Amino acid sequence: MKTNARFIKSITKAAAENDTVMPWARGTRRAAFIAKRNAAEAAQQRKVA
């Protein structure tokens, strides 16, 4: 096996093992973030009005 092919295999293996949760992922964490943001915006609007 050439070095380049071995490198590509190692990169694809590392990418498959990656399980980092991204902030834009759908789910309860994202819903909680959106609710917090909406509450902050509503509080800000109450201060201005």
PDB file of N, CA and C in Angstrom:
ATOM      1  N   MET A   1       0.854  -1.181   0.000  1.00  0.00           N
ATOM      2  CA  MET A   1       0.000   0.000   0.000  1.00  0.00           C
ATOM      3  C   MET A   1       0.896   1.240   0.000  1.00  0.00           C
ATOM      4  N   LYS A   2       0.558   2.188  -0.850  1.00  0.00           N
ATOM      5  CA  LYS A   2       1.331   3.413  -0.915  1.00  0.00           C
ATOM      6  C   LYS A   2       1.080   4.255   0.336  1.00  0.00           C
ATOM      7  N   THR A   3       2.006   5.140   0.615  1.00  0.00           N
ATOM      8  CA  THR A   3       1.887   6.004   1.778  1.00  0.00           C
ATOM      9  C   THR A   3       0.638   6.875   1.690  1.00  0.00           C
ATOM     10  N   ASN A   4       0.346   7.386   0.499  1.00  0.00           N
ATOM     11  CA  ASN A   4      -0.813   8.248   0.318  1.00  0.00           C
ATOM     12  C   ASN A   4      -2.111   7.508   0.649  1.00  0.00           C
ATOM     13  N   ALA A   5      -2.246   6.284   0.214  1.00  0.00           N
ATOM     14  CA  ALA A   5      -3.452   5.505   0.484  1.00  0.00           C
ATOM     15  C   ALA A   5      -3.573   5.232   1.981  1.00  0.00           C
ATOM     16  N   ARG A   6      -2.464   4.955   2.622  1.00  0.00           N
ATOM     17  CA  ARG A   6      -2.484   4.706   4.058  1.00  0.00           C
ATOM     18  C   ARG A   6      -2.894   5.970   4.807  1.00  0.00           C
ATOM     19  N   PHE A   7      -2.404   7.109   4.357  1.00  0.00           N
ATOM     20  CA  PHE A   7      -2.765   8.393   4.964  1.00  0.00           C
ATOM     21  C   PHE A   7      -4.258   8.655   4.825  1.00  0.00           C
ATOM     22  N   ILE A   8      -4.794   8.427   3.638  1.00  0.00           N
ATOM     23  CA  ILE A   8      -6.224   8.654   3.401  1.00  0.00           C
ATOM     24  C   ILE A   8      -7.055   7.719   4.279  1.00  0.00           C
ATOM     25  N   LYS A   9      -6.637   6.468   4.411  1.00  0.00           N
ATOM     26  CA  LYS A   9      -7.368   5.535   5.267  1.00  0.00           C
ATOM     27  C   LYS A   9      -7.357   5.996   6.711  1.00  0.00           C
ATOM     28  N   SER A  10      -6.223   6.502   7.179  1.00  0.00           N
ATOM     29  CA  SER A  10      -6.155   6.956   8.566  1.00  0.00           C
ATOM     30  C   SER A  10      -7.029   8.181   8.792  1.00  0.00           C
ATOM     31  N   ILE A  11      -7.098   9.063   7.809  1.00  0.00           N
ATOM     32  CA  ILE A  11      -7.941  10.258   7.920  1.00  0.00           C
ATOM     33  C   ILE A  11      -9.417   9.876   7.948  1.00  0.00           C
ATOM     34  N   THR A  12      -9.833   8.971   7.069  1.00  0.00           N
ATOM     35  CA  THR A  12     -11.241   8.569   7.053  1.00  0.00           C
ATOM     36  C   THR A  12     -11.615   7.817   8.333  1.00  0.00           C
ATOM     37  N   LYS A  13     -10.677   7.044   8.878  1.00  0.00           N
ATOM     38  CA  LYS A  13     -10.940   6.341  10.135  1.00  0.00           C
ATOM     39  C   LYS A  13     -11.109   7.342  11.278  1.00  0.00           C
ATOM     40  N   ALA A  14     -10.247   8.352  11.326  1.00  0.00           N
ATOM     41  CA  ALA A  14     -10.339   9.373  12.375  1.00  0.00           C
ATOM     42  C   ALA A  14     -11.647  10.163  12.248  1.00  0.00           C
ATOM     43  N   ALA A  15     -12.064  10.450  11.037  1.00  0.00           N
ATOM     44  CA  ALA A  15     -13.313  11.188  10.827  1.00  0.00           C
ATOM     45  C   ALA A  15     -14.513  10.354  11.258  1.00  0.00           C
ATOM     46  N   ALA A  16     -14.467   9.055  11.037  1.00  0.00           N
ATOM     47  CA  ALA A  16     -15.577   8.184  11.434  1.00  0.00           C
ATOM     48  C   ALA A  16     -15.671   8.079  12.951  1.00  0.00           C
ATOM     49  N   GLU A  17     -14.549   8.173  13.643  1.00  0.00           N
ATOM     50  CA  GLU A  17     -14.536   8.061  15.098  1.00  0.00           C
ATOM     51  C   GLU A  17     -14.929   9.363  15.791  1.00  0.00           C
ATOM     52  N   ASN A  18     -14.981  10.445  15.062  1.00  0.00           N
ATOM     53  CA  ASN A  18     -15.294  11.751  15.635  1.00  0.00           C
ATOM     54  C   ASN A  18     -16.770  11.806  16.019  1.00  0.00           C
ATOM     55  N   ASP A  19     -17.056  12.093  17.285  1.00  0.00           N
ATOM     56  CA  ASP A  19     -18.444  12.175  17.731  1.00  0.00           C
ATOM     57  C   ASP A  19     -18.718  13.480  18.472  1.00  0.00           C
ATOM     58  N   THR A  20     -18.013  14.528  18.081  1.00  0.00           N
ATOM     59  CA  THR A  20     -18.201  15.836  18.693  1.00  0.00           C
ATOM     60  C   THR A  20     -19.578  16.383  18.342  1.00  0.00           C
ATOM     61  N   VAL A  21     -20.272  16.895  19.339  1.00  0.00           N
ATOM     62  CA  VAL A  21     -21.598  17.468  19.106  1.00  0.00           C
ATOM     63  C   VAL A  21     -21.417  18.917  18.671  1.00  0.00           C
ATOM     64  N   MET A  22     -21.961  19.233  17.526  1.00  0.00           N
ATOM     65  CA  MET A  22     -21.866  20.589  17.004  1.00  0.00           C
ATOM     66  C   MET A  22     -23.034  21.429  17.514  1.00  0.00           C
ATOM     67  N   PRO A  23     -22.820  22.730  17.708  1.00  0.00           N
ATOM     68  CA  PRO A  23     -23.888  23.582  18.257  1.00  0.00           C
ATOM     69  C   PRO A  23     -25.131  23.654  17.385  1.00  0.00           C
ATOM     70  N   TRP A  24     -24.980  23.448  16.098  1.00  0.00           N
ATOM     71  CA  TRP A  24     -26.134  23.557  15.214  1.00  0.00           C
ATOM     72  C   TRP A  24     -26.870  22.225  15.071  1.00  0.00           C
ATOM     73  N   ALA A  25     -26.423  21.215  15.791  1.00  0.00           N
ATOM     74  CA  ALA A  25     -27.099  19.922  15.734  1.00  0.00           C
ATOM     75  C   ALA A  25     -28.507  20.033  16.327  1.00  0.00           C
ATOM     76  N   ARG A  26     -29.443  19.333  15.758  1.00  0.00           N
ATOM     77  CA  ARG A  26     -30.823  19.362  16.237  1.00  0.00           C
ATOM     78  C   ARG A  26     -30.916  18.582  17.537  1.00  0.00           C
ATOM     79  N   GLY A  27     -31.797  18.983  18.402  1.00  0.00           N
ATOM     80  CA  GLY A  27     -32.005  18.231  19.627  1.00  0.00           C
ATOM     81  C   GLY A  27     -32.373  19.122  20.791  1.00  0.00           C
ATOM     82  N   THR A  28     -32.394  18.535  21.964  1.00  0.00           N
ATOM     83  CA  THR A  28     -32.819  19.254  23.163  1.00  0.00           C
ATOM     84  C   THR A  28     -31.849  20.366  23.523  1.00  0.00           C
ATOM     85  N   ARG A  29     -30.569  20.141  23.281  1.00  0.00           N
ATOM     86  CA  ARG A  29     -29.580  21.178  23.598  1.00  0.00           C
ATOM     87  C   ARG A  29     -29.822  22.427  22.757  1.00  0.00           C
ATOM     88  N   ARG A  30     -30.116  22.226  21.484  1.00  0.00           N
ATOM     89  CA  ARG A  30     -30.378  23.361  20.595  1.00  0.00           C
ATOM     90  C   ARG A  30     -31.673  24.061  20.989  1.00  0.00           C
ATOM     91  N   ALA A  31     -32.693  23.285  21.337  1.00  0.00           N
ATOM     92  CA  ALA A  31     -33.967  23.864  21.748  1.00  0.00           C
ATOM     93  C   ALA A  31     -33.797  24.704  23.007  1.00  0.00           C
ATOM     94  N   ALA A  32     -32.981  24.237  23.940  1.00  0.00           N
ATOM     95  CA  ALA A  32     -32.736  24.992  25.170  1.00  0.00           C
ATOM     96  C   ALA A  32     -32.009  26.301  24.855  1.00  0.00           C
ATOM     97  N   PHE A  33     -31.062  26.254  23.940  1.00  0.00           N
ATOM     98  CA  PHE A  33     -30.329  27.453  23.553  1.00  0.00           C
ATOM     99  C   PHE A  33     -31.269  28.476  22.917  1.00  0.00           C
ATOM    100  N   ILE A  34     -32.156  28.015  22.040  1.00  0.00           N
ATOM    101  CA  ILE A  34     -33.085  28.922  21.364  1.00  0.00           C
ATOM    102  C   ILE A  34     -34.048  29.534  22.378  1.00  0.00           C
ATOM    103  N   ALA A  35     -34.529  28.731  23.319  1.00  0.00           N
ATOM    104  CA  ALA A  35     -35.436  29.252  24.344  1.00  0.00           C
ATOM    105  C   ALA A  35     -34.736  30.304  25.197  1.00  0.00           C
ATOM    106  N   LYS A  36     -33.485  30.066  25.540  1.00  0.00           N
ATOM    107  CA  LYS A  36     -32.719  31.031  26.332  1.00  0.00           C
ATOM    108  C   LYS A  36     -32.529  32.337  25.555  1.00  0.00           C
ATOM    109  N   ARG A  37     -32.219  32.207  24.278  1.00  0.00           N
ATOM    110  CA  ARG A  37     -32.024  33.391  23.434  1.00  0.00           C
ATOM    111  C   ARG A  37     -33.318  34.183  23.306  1.00  0.00           C
ATOM    112  N   ASN A  38     -34.437  33.502  23.096  1.00  0.00           N
ATOM    113  CA  ASN A  38     -35.729  34.183  22.970  1.00  0.00           C
ATOM    114  C   ASN A  38     -36.118  34.874  24.266  1.00  0.00           C
ATOM    115  N   ALA A  39     -35.815  34.251  25.398  1.00  0.00           N
ATOM    116  CA  ALA A  39     -36.127  34.861  26.690  1.00  0.00           C
ATOM    117  C   ALA A  39     -35.295  36.123  26.896  1.00  0.00           C
ATOM    118  N   ALA A  40     -34.042  36.090  26.496  1.00  0.00           N
ATOM    119  CA  ALA A  40     -33.173  37.258  26.629  1.00  0.00           C
ATOM    120  C   ALA A  40     -33.667  38.400  25.743  1.00  0.00           C
ATOM    121  N   GLU A  41     -34.090  38.075  24.532  1.00  0.00           N
ATOM    122  CA  GLU A  41     -34.610  39.106  23.626  1.00  0.00           C
ATOM    123  C   GLU A  41     -35.895  39.713  24.176  1.00  0.00           C
ATOM    124  N   ALA A  42     -36.766  38.881  24.746  1.00  0.00           N
ATOM    125  CA  ALA A  42     -38.017  39.376  25.303  1.00  0.00           C
ATOM    126  C   ALA A  42     -37.742  40.291  26.503  1.00  0.00           C
ATOM    127  N   ALA A  43     -36.774  39.915  27.323  1.00  0.00           N
ATOM    128  CA  ALA A  43     -36.426  40.744  28.475  1.00  0.00           C
ATOM    129  C   ALA A  43     -35.864  42.092  28.014  1.00  0.00           C
ATOM    130  N   GLN A  44     -35.068  42.063  26.964  1.00  0.00           N
ATOM    131  CA  GLN A  44     -34.484  43.295  26.433  1.00  0.00           C
ATOM    132  C   GLN A  44     -35.577  44.221  25.896  1.00  0.00           C
ATOM    133  N   GLN A  45     -36.573  43.631  25.203  1.00  0.00           N
ATOM    134  CA  GLN A  45     -37.659  44.434  24.654  1.00  0.00           C
ATOM    135  C   GLN A  45     -38.512  45.036  25.760  1.00  0.00           C
ATOM    136  N   ARG A  46     -38.678  44.308  26.871  1.00  0.00           N
ATOM    137  CA  ARG A  46     -39.452  44.840  27.993  1.00  0.00           C
ATOM    138  C   ARG A  46     -38.736  46.036  28.626  1.00  0.00           C
ATOM    139  N   LYS A  47     -37.407  46.006  28.639  1.00  0.00           N
ATOM    140  CA  LYS A  47     -36.640  47.119  29.199  1.00  0.00           C
ATOM    141  C   LYS A  47     -36.782  48.374  28.341  1.00  0.00           C
ATOM    142  N   VAL A  48     -36.800  48.194  27.025  1.00  0.00           N
ATOM    143  CA  VAL A  48     -36.870  49.319  26.092  1.00  0.00           C
ATOM    144  C   VAL A  48     -38.269  49.929  26.102  1.00  0.00           C
ATOM    145  N   ALA A  49     -39.276  49.097  26.150  1.00  0.00           N
ATOM    146  CA  ALA A  49     -40.658  49.587  26.050  1.00  0.00           C
ATOM    147  C   ALA A  49     -41.153  50.246  27.308  1.00  0.00           C
TER     148      ALA A  49
END
